[in-house]
Amino acid sequence: MNFKGSIRSKLPGVGTTIFTVMSAYAREHDAINLSQGFPDFQPDSLLQGEVERAIKSGNNQYAPMAGLITLREGIAAKAESLYGAKVDGESEITITAGGTQALFTAIAAMISENDEVILFSPAYDSYAPAVELAGGKTIHYNMEAPGFVINWKQVQKLITQRTRMIVINSPHNPTGTILTDKDMKELQKLTKDTDIIILSDEVYEHIIFDGEMHQSVLRYPALAERSMVVGSFGKTYHATGWKVGYCIAPRELTAEFRKVHQFNVFSVSTPMQYAYAEILNHPHLYQELGAFYQQKRDFFRDAIKGSKFELMDSKGTYFQLVSYKNISEEKDTDFVKWLTREWKVAAIPVSVFYHRNLDQKVIRFCFAKENETLEKAAEKLCKIK
């Protein structure tokens, strides 16, 4: 079929996401896929059992638009337990079809024509297109390898009368860095006495290493009152394909969020919501997550120490950045294809997370895999000269 009319693309510079491209390339070349961020192991049997129970109990029709109240109250209780935040499950939490839908809906609800949104690059690739579709303008602060730190004095220079939102992400995809207490206090100082909204992407909140503490905006009352926090059950419970997330925000912001949400997806998988509401009664599953993934991080790092790749710090998420400058001068987008084609290991080029494809010879591996998978990949990577 061929469309005969003219097409006016709203995202003319956007193609297929790098995650889809590299996963397809990995399949084509029968490579170990350490590119797209998903586990190759199953969710806990307890969670699977709760889904089955919900389905067999007849909970298969539309859930309430905002989500099951039992699930929202469970999220509120967790927020208070972990971060000391008083959140109202009825009016300040909305269940979404994954974290990305929550991000998109928050931006669509809050950003209008010519509003400016500050992004920290490298940034998760859904942020900028969502801003553009809403008619806003992205303002980028580039974080550079190897530390990817933020100079808040430089950020302050980016703020104008048009600045409507600042998007933060900690633990950070793709770099694996985390925001510190000092960072959060600088952000708090920066936004004081403004109408700036903070969109805080915290989908990896429980995957943090080496005894560090996740600095949610919910820990900081002056930030919480202007923030929309996005969480993900998929990242926490090894079920990315179930696509269930949530947004926590003050009731005034939540009211606007839901205006868009109801015409976007309306509601989210009912049996999955029942299952997650029950699984929140077993906090050890998320409390032990950091240690679980730290073991995988350390296993993978130890396994490729003998390679020519240079390891960077991974303080959270399930991603490991490496520099390949000792191997090749190729662009990272070409290098990952060579790596997939010739060495049968797929990775993600970090340059694509920058708005101008800043190539620093850095790529991203996902270590949310069985140790056997990681070991096989490491054997191949260590052979590269």
Protein backbone atom coordinates (compact mmCIF):
# COMPACT_ATOMS: atom_id res chain seq x y z
CA MET A 1 0.00 0.00 0.00
CA ASN A 2 1.21 3.49 -0.86
CA PHE A 3 -0.16 6.67 0.68
CA LYS A 4 -0.75 9.20 -2.12
CA GLY A 5 -1.18 12.36 -0.03
CA SER A 6 1.42 14.62 1.56
CA ILE A 7 2.72 13.89 5.04
CA ARG A 8 3.69 16.64 7.46
CA SER A 9 5.71 14.83 10.10
CA LYS A 10 5.53 16.22 13.62
CA LEU A 11 8.88 14.53 14.36
CA PRO A 12 10.78 14.84 11.07
CA GLY A 13 14.17 14.12 12.63
CA VAL A 14 13.07 11.03 14.54
CA GLY A 15 13.49 7.47 13.30
CA THR A 16 13.20 4.07 14.96
CA THR A 17 14.67 4.02 18.48
CA ILE A 18 18.22 2.72 18.90
CA PHE A 19 16.91 0.03 21.26
CA THR A 20 14.71 -1.45 18.54
CA VAL A 21 17.45 -1.12 15.93
CA MET A 22 20.14 -2.85 17.99
CA SER A 23 17.86 -5.62 19.26
CA ALA A 24 16.88 -6.39 15.66
CA TYR A 25 20.56 -6.29 14.63
CA ALA A 26 21.41 -8.67 17.47
CA ARG A 27 18.75 -11.12 16.27
CA GLU A 28 19.95 -10.81 12.68
CA HIS A 29 23.52 -11.73 13.65
CA ASP A 30 22.65 -14.22 16.40
CA ALA A 31 24.46 -12.04 18.96
CA ILE A 32 24.20 -11.86 22.74
CA ASN A 33 21.92 -8.89 23.34
CA LEU A 34 23.38 -6.61 26.00
CA SER A 35 21.86 -3.58 24.28
CA GLN A 36 18.18 -3.17 25.19
CA GLY A 37 17.55 -2.90 28.93
CA PHE A 38 15.53 -5.94 29.89
CA PRO A 39 16.30 -9.05 31.97
CA ASP A 40 16.65 -12.50 30.41
CA PHE A 41 15.22 -14.11 33.56
CA GLN A 42 11.69 -14.45 34.92
CA PRO A 43 9.78 -12.37 37.50
CA ASP A 44 9.52 -13.82 40.99
CA SER A 45 7.17 -16.81 41.16
CA LEU A 46 5.18 -15.06 43.90
CA LEU A 47 4.34 -12.22 41.50
CA GLN A 48 3.46 -14.62 38.70
CA GLY A 49 1.13 -16.44 41.06
CA GLU A 50 -0.63 -13.20 42.00
CA VAL A 51 -1.29 -12.39 38.34
CA GLU A 52 -2.74 -15.85 37.76
CA ARG A 53 -4.92 -15.49 40.86
CA ALA A 54 -6.20 -12.08 39.71
CA ILE A 55 -7.11 -13.43 36.27
CA LYS A 56 -8.88 -16.50 37.66
CA SER A 57 -10.75 -14.31 40.15
CA GLY A 58 -12.35 -12.47 37.24
CA ASN A 59 -10.40 -9.20 37.50
CA ASN A 60 -10.13 -8.80 33.75
CA GLN A 61 -12.17 -5.70 32.89
CA TYR A 62 -11.27 -2.00 32.96
CA ALA A 63 -9.59 -0.75 36.08
CA PRO A 64 -10.45 2.73 37.38
CA MET A 65 -8.87 5.46 35.25
CA ALA A 66 -6.44 6.53 37.99
CA GLY A 67 -5.64 2.93 38.95
CA LEU A 68 -6.74 0.54 41.69
CA ILE A 69 -6.93 2.40 44.98
CA THR A 70 -5.29 -0.52 46.81
CA LEU A 71 -2.26 -0.23 44.55
CA ARG A 72 -2.11 3.55 44.86
CA GLU A 73 -2.33 3.32 48.64
CA GLY A 74 0.46 0.74 48.60
CA ILE A 75 2.67 3.10 46.60
CA ALA A 76 1.86 5.92 49.04
CA ALA A 77 2.81 3.74 52.00
CA LYS A 78 6.09 2.81 50.33
CA ALA A 79 6.89 6.48 49.60
CA GLU A 80 6.35 7.34 53.25
CA SER A 81 8.38 4.37 54.48
CA LEU A 82 11.34 5.02 52.18
CA TYR A 83 11.37 8.80 51.82
CA GLY A 84 9.24 10.18 54.64
CA ALA A 85 6.82 11.67 52.12
CA LYS A 86 3.13 12.09 52.90
CA VAL A 87 1.37 11.24 49.62
CA ASP A 88 -2.38 10.87 49.13
CA GLY A 89 -3.10 7.73 47.10
CA GLU A 90 -6.49 9.00 45.99
CA SER A 91 -5.51 12.39 44.58
CA GLU A 92 -1.74 12.30 44.06
CA ILE A 93 -0.93 8.95 42.41
CA THR A 94 -1.88 7.70 38.94
CA ILE A 95 -1.11 4.23 37.54
CA THR A 96 0.27 4.33 34.01
CA ALA A 97 1.14 1.99 31.15
CA GLY A 98 4.81 1.98 32.06
CA GLY A 99 7.25 4.74 32.92
CA THR A 100 7.50 6.11 29.39
CA GLN A 101 3.76 6.77 29.21
CA ALA A 102 3.96 8.57 32.54
CA LEU A 103 6.80 10.74 31.24
CA PHE A 104 4.98 11.51 27.99
CA THR A 105 1.73 12.33 29.78
CA ALA A 106 3.44 14.60 32.32
CA ILE A 107 5.12 16.56 29.54
CA ALA A 108 1.96 16.73 27.42
CA ALA A 109 -0.03 18.00 30.41
CA MET A 110 2.44 20.64 31.53
CA ILE A 111 4.24 21.93 28.44
CA SER A 112 2.69 24.46 26.07
CA GLU A 113 3.85 26.23 22.93
CA ASN A 114 7.32 27.81 23.36
CA ASP A 115 7.82 26.55 26.92
CA GLU A 116 11.43 25.59 27.59
CA VAL A 117 12.45 22.28 29.16
CA ILE A 118 15.96 21.69 30.48
CA LEU A 119 17.32 18.20 29.80
CA PHE A 120 20.58 16.67 31.03
CA SER A 121 22.26 14.84 28.17
CA PRO A 122 22.92 12.02 27.58
CA ALA A 123 19.19 11.62 28.22
CA TYR A 124 16.65 8.85 27.85
CA ASP A 125 15.40 9.18 24.31
CA SER A 126 11.69 9.77 24.99
CA TYR A 127 12.10 13.14 26.73
CA ALA A 128 12.93 15.41 23.79
CA PRO A 129 10.32 14.06 21.31
CA ALA A 130 7.59 14.44 23.94
CA VAL A 131 8.58 18.07 24.49
CA GLU A 132 8.62 18.74 20.74
CA LEU A 133 5.18 17.17 20.26
CA ALA A 134 3.84 19.46 23.00
CA GLY A 135 5.25 22.49 21.15
CA GLY A 136 8.01 23.12 23.67
CA LYS A 137 11.72 23.72 23.19
CA THR A 138 14.45 21.54 24.66
CA ILE A 139 17.44 23.21 26.32
CA HIS A 140 20.32 20.77 26.75
CA TYR A 141 23.02 20.63 29.39
CA ASN A 142 25.72 18.22 28.24
CA MET A 143 27.25 15.94 30.86
CA GLU A 144 30.57 14.57 29.66
CA ALA A 145 32.49 11.35 30.21
CA PRO A 146 33.87 9.97 32.40
CA GLY A 147 32.13 11.55 35.41
CA PHE A 148 28.92 12.95 33.84
CA VAL A 149 28.63 15.50 36.67
CA ILE A 150 26.38 18.57 36.73
CA ASN A 151 27.69 22.07 37.31
CA TRP A 152 24.62 23.76 38.75
CA LYS A 153 26.01 27.26 38.19
CA GLN A 154 26.04 26.46 34.49
CA VAL A 155 22.50 25.10 34.71
CA GLN A 156 21.37 28.36 36.31
CA LYS A 157 22.53 30.20 33.18
CA LEU A 158 20.12 28.11 31.10
CA ILE A 159 17.07 29.20 33.06
CA THR A 160 14.94 31.90 31.47
CA GLN A 161 11.44 33.30 31.90
CA ARG A 162 10.28 30.58 29.52
CA THR A 163 11.70 27.69 31.57
CA ARG A 164 8.71 25.56 32.54
CA MET A 165 10.30 22.23 33.44
CA ILE A 166 13.58 20.54 34.40
CA VAL A 167 13.82 16.80 33.80
CA ILE A 168 16.10 14.79 36.08
CA ASN A 169 16.86 11.08 36.10
CA SER A 170 18.52 9.24 38.98
CA PRO A 171 19.79 6.56 38.94
CA HIS A 172 20.62 7.68 35.44
CA ASN A 173 20.09 5.91 32.14
CA PRO A 174 22.39 5.56 30.25
CA THR A 175 25.34 6.58 32.46
CA GLY A 176 24.65 4.68 35.69
CA THR A 177 25.42 7.80 37.76
CA ILE A 178 23.33 9.04 40.69
CA LEU A 179 22.34 12.45 42.01
CA THR A 180 23.64 13.23 45.49
CA ASP A 181 22.14 15.11 48.42
CA LYS A 182 24.26 18.09 47.35
CA ASP A 183 22.80 17.92 43.83
CA MET A 184 19.25 17.89 45.16
CA LYS A 185 19.89 20.86 47.43
CA GLU A 186 21.39 22.79 44.52
CA LEU A 187 18.29 21.99 42.44
CA GLN A 188 16.10 23.08 45.32
CA LYS A 189 17.96 26.38 45.57
CA LEU A 190 17.78 26.86 41.80
CA THR A 191 14.01 26.45 41.59
CA LYS A 192 13.04 28.31 44.75
CA ASP A 193 10.45 31.06 44.13
CA THR A 194 9.87 29.92 40.54
CA ASP A 195 7.01 28.15 38.72
CA ILE A 196 9.40 25.51 37.36
CA ILE A 197 8.12 21.93 37.50
CA ILE A 198 10.56 19.07 38.17
CA LEU A 199 9.91 15.87 36.25
CA SER A 200 11.88 13.25 38.17
CA ASP A 201 12.44 9.95 36.37
CA GLU A 202 13.12 7.49 39.20
CA VAL A 203 12.36 4.18 37.51
CA TYR A 204 15.64 2.65 38.79
CA GLU A 205 15.10 3.88 42.36
CA HIS A 206 15.80 0.48 43.95
CA ILE A 207 18.83 -0.37 41.80
CA ILE A 208 21.58 1.53 43.56
CA PHE A 209 24.94 0.24 44.74
CA ASP A 210 27.78 0.40 47.27
CA GLY A 211 25.65 1.52 50.20
CA GLU A 212 24.48 4.72 48.47
CA MET A 213 21.00 6.08 49.16
CA HIS A 214 18.53 7.02 46.45
CA GLN A 215 17.90 10.76 46.63
CA SER A 216 14.28 10.93 45.55
CA VAL A 217 12.77 14.40 45.20
CA LEU A 218 10.20 13.08 47.69
CA ARG A 219 12.86 13.40 50.43
CA TYR A 220 12.91 17.18 49.89
CA PRO A 221 9.59 18.90 50.67
CA ALA A 222 10.46 22.06 48.72
CA LEU A 223 11.13 19.90 45.65
CA ALA A 224 8.28 17.45 46.19
CA GLU A 225 5.72 20.27 46.09
CA ARG A 226 6.77 21.12 42.51
CA SER A 227 7.66 17.62 41.25
CA MET A 228 6.14 14.83 39.21
CA VAL A 229 7.85 11.54 40.11
CA VAL A 230 7.79 8.63 37.68
CA GLY A 231 8.24 5.04 38.89
CA SER A 232 8.24 1.65 37.20
CA PHE A 233 7.18 -1.78 38.42
CA GLY A 234 8.79 -3.37 35.38
CA LYS A 235 12.31 -2.34 36.40
CA THR A 236 11.75 -3.38 40.02
CA TYR A 237 10.12 -6.76 39.45
CA HIS A 238 11.85 -7.97 36.25
CA ALA A 239 8.66 -7.59 34.19
CA THR A 240 9.36 -4.84 31.66
CA GLY A 241 6.88 -6.31 29.18
CA TRP A 242 3.95 -5.86 31.54
CA LYS A 243 4.25 -2.08 31.18
CA VAL A 244 2.96 -0.81 34.53
CA GLY A 245 4.31 2.38 36.10
CA TYR A 246 3.00 5.36 38.02
CA CYS A 247 3.24 9.09 38.55
CA ILE A 248 3.28 10.76 41.98
CA ALA A 249 2.55 14.49 41.97
CA PRO A 250 0.79 17.19 44.03
CA ARG A 251 -2.97 17.04 43.56
CA GLU A 252 -3.05 20.16 41.36
CA LEU A 253 -0.51 18.66 38.96
CA THR A 254 -2.14 15.23 39.17
CA ALA A 255 -5.48 16.72 38.13
CA GLU A 256 -3.87 18.07 34.94
CA PHE A 257 -1.96 14.82 34.40
CA ARG A 258 -5.17 12.80 34.54
CA LYS A 259 -6.88 15.06 31.99
CA VAL A 260 -4.34 13.81 29.43
CA HIS A 261 -4.01 10.28 30.83
CA GLN A 262 -7.72 9.53 30.43
CA PHE A 263 -7.56 10.23 26.70
CA ASN A 264 -4.20 8.56 26.24
CA VAL A 265 -4.58 5.03 27.64
CA PHE A 266 -7.51 5.63 30.07
CA SER A 267 -6.57 2.68 32.29
CA VAL A 268 -3.92 0.01 32.75
CA SER A 269 -3.95 -3.82 32.88
CA THR A 270 -6.27 -4.81 35.73
CA PRO A 271 -4.81 -8.21 36.76
CA MET A 272 -1.30 -6.75 36.79
CA GLN A 273 -2.46 -3.98 39.13
CA TYR A 274 -4.01 -6.48 41.53
CA ALA A 275 -0.77 -8.48 41.48
CA TYR A 276 1.43 -5.46 42.18
CA ALA A 277 -0.89 -4.31 44.99
CA GLU A 278 -0.30 -7.68 46.67
CA ILE A 279 3.42 -7.84 45.95
CA LEU A 280 4.02 -4.51 47.71
CA ASN A 281 3.21 -6.42 50.90
CA HIS A 282 6.53 -8.22 50.38
CA PRO A 283 9.02 -5.32 50.61
CA HIS A 284 12.04 -7.62 50.70
CA LEU A 285 11.68 -8.01 46.92
CA TYR A 286 12.60 -4.38 46.29
CA GLN A 287 14.79 -4.03 49.36
CA GLU A 288 17.10 -6.76 48.06
CA LEU A 289 17.17 -5.51 44.48
CA GLY A 290 20.27 -3.32 44.82
CA ALA A 291 22.35 -6.19 46.20
CA PHE A 292 21.01 -8.52 43.50
CA TYR A 293 22.11 -6.24 40.68
CA GLN A 294 25.35 -5.21 42.40
CA GLN A 295 26.38 -8.85 42.25
CA LYS A 296 25.69 -8.86 38.51
CA ARG A 297 27.52 -5.57 38.02
CA ASP A 298 30.57 -6.86 39.87
CA PHE A 299 30.45 -10.20 38.05
CA PHE A 300 30.40 -8.49 34.66
CA ARG A 301 33.06 -5.93 35.58
CA ASP A 302 35.38 -8.65 36.86
CA ALA A 303 34.76 -10.74 33.76
CA ILE A 304 35.84 -7.99 31.33
CA LYS A 305 38.74 -6.57 33.37
CA GLY A 306 41.12 -8.42 31.08
CA SER A 307 39.69 -6.76 27.97
CA LYS A 308 40.80 -3.55 26.26
CA PHE A 309 37.59 -1.81 27.30
CA GLU A 310 37.90 0.86 30.01
CA LEU A 311 35.27 0.56 32.73
CA MET A 312 33.43 3.61 34.03
CA ASP A 313 31.68 3.89 37.39
CA SER A 314 28.25 2.27 37.62
CA LYS A 315 26.51 3.52 40.76
CA GLY A 316 22.97 2.51 39.84
CA THR A 317 20.65 1.08 37.12
CA TYR A 318 21.62 -2.16 35.38
CA PHE A 319 23.92 -0.54 32.85
CA GLN A 320 27.69 -0.45 32.51
CA LEU A 321 29.45 2.15 30.38
CA VAL A 322 32.82 1.40 28.83
CA SER A 323 35.23 3.33 26.64
CA TYR A 324 36.52 1.53 23.55
CA LYS A 325 39.12 4.16 22.62
CA ASN A 326 41.92 1.59 23.05
CA ILE A 327 40.28 -0.60 20.41
CA SER A 328 38.99 1.67 17.66
CA GLU A 329 38.54 5.23 16.46
CA GLU A 330 35.26 4.38 14.74
CA LYS A 331 32.12 6.31 15.55
CA ASP A 332 30.26 4.57 18.36
CA THR A 333 27.25 3.97 16.10
CA ASP A 334 29.51 2.07 13.69
CA PHE A 335 31.49 0.37 16.45
CA VAL A 336 28.42 -1.26 18.04
CA LYS A 337 27.37 -2.70 14.68
CA TRP A 338 30.89 -4.07 14.14
CA LEU A 339 30.85 -5.50 17.66
CA THR A 340 27.48 -7.17 17.00
CA ARG A 341 28.38 -8.44 13.55
CA GLU A 342 31.95 -9.63 14.16
CA TRP A 343 31.98 -10.50 17.87
CA LYS A 344 28.31 -11.39 18.46
CA VAL A 345 27.75 -9.01 21.38
CA ALA A 346 25.26 -6.14 21.03
CA ALA A 347 25.60 -2.81 22.88
CA ILE A 348 24.14 0.70 22.68
CA PRO A 349 26.15 3.74 21.46
CA VAL A 350 25.95 6.54 24.03
CA SER A 351 26.17 9.34 21.43
CA VAL A 352 22.53 8.78 20.44
CA PHE A 353 21.44 9.97 23.90
CA TYR A 354 22.84 13.44 23.10
CA HIS A 355 20.84 15.89 21.01
CA ARG A 356 23.81 16.41 18.68
CA ASN A 357 25.23 12.87 18.84
CA LEU A 358 28.31 13.70 20.92
CA ASP A 359 30.67 10.79 20.25
CA GLN A 360 33.05 10.14 23.16
CA LYS A 361 33.89 6.51 22.18
CA VAL A 362 31.60 5.22 24.94
CA ILE A 363 29.05 2.40 24.71
CA ARG A 364 26.51 0.89 27.12
CA PHE A 365 26.10 -2.75 28.14
CA CYS A 366 23.07 -4.08 30.05
CA PHE A 367 23.99 -6.54 32.80
CA ALA A 368 20.41 -7.51 33.74
CA LYS A 369 21.17 -10.99 32.47
CA GLU A 370 21.85 -14.44 33.81
CA ASN A 371 25.48 -14.81 34.91
CA GLU A 372 25.93 -17.46 32.22
CA THR A 373 24.89 -14.92 29.58
CA LEU A 374 27.27 -12.31 30.99
CA GLU A 375 30.12 -14.82 31.13
CA LYS A 376 29.64 -15.81 27.48
CA ALA A 377 29.58 -12.16 26.42
CA ALA A 378 32.68 -11.35 28.49
CA GLU A 379 34.63 -14.21 26.90
CA LYS A 380 34.00 -12.68 23.50
CA LEU A 381 34.78 -9.13 24.63
CA CYS A 382 38.10 -10.21 26.16
CA LYS A 383 39.25 -11.63 22.84
CA ILE A 384 39.02 -8.29 21.05
CA LYS A 385 42.47 -6.82 20.36
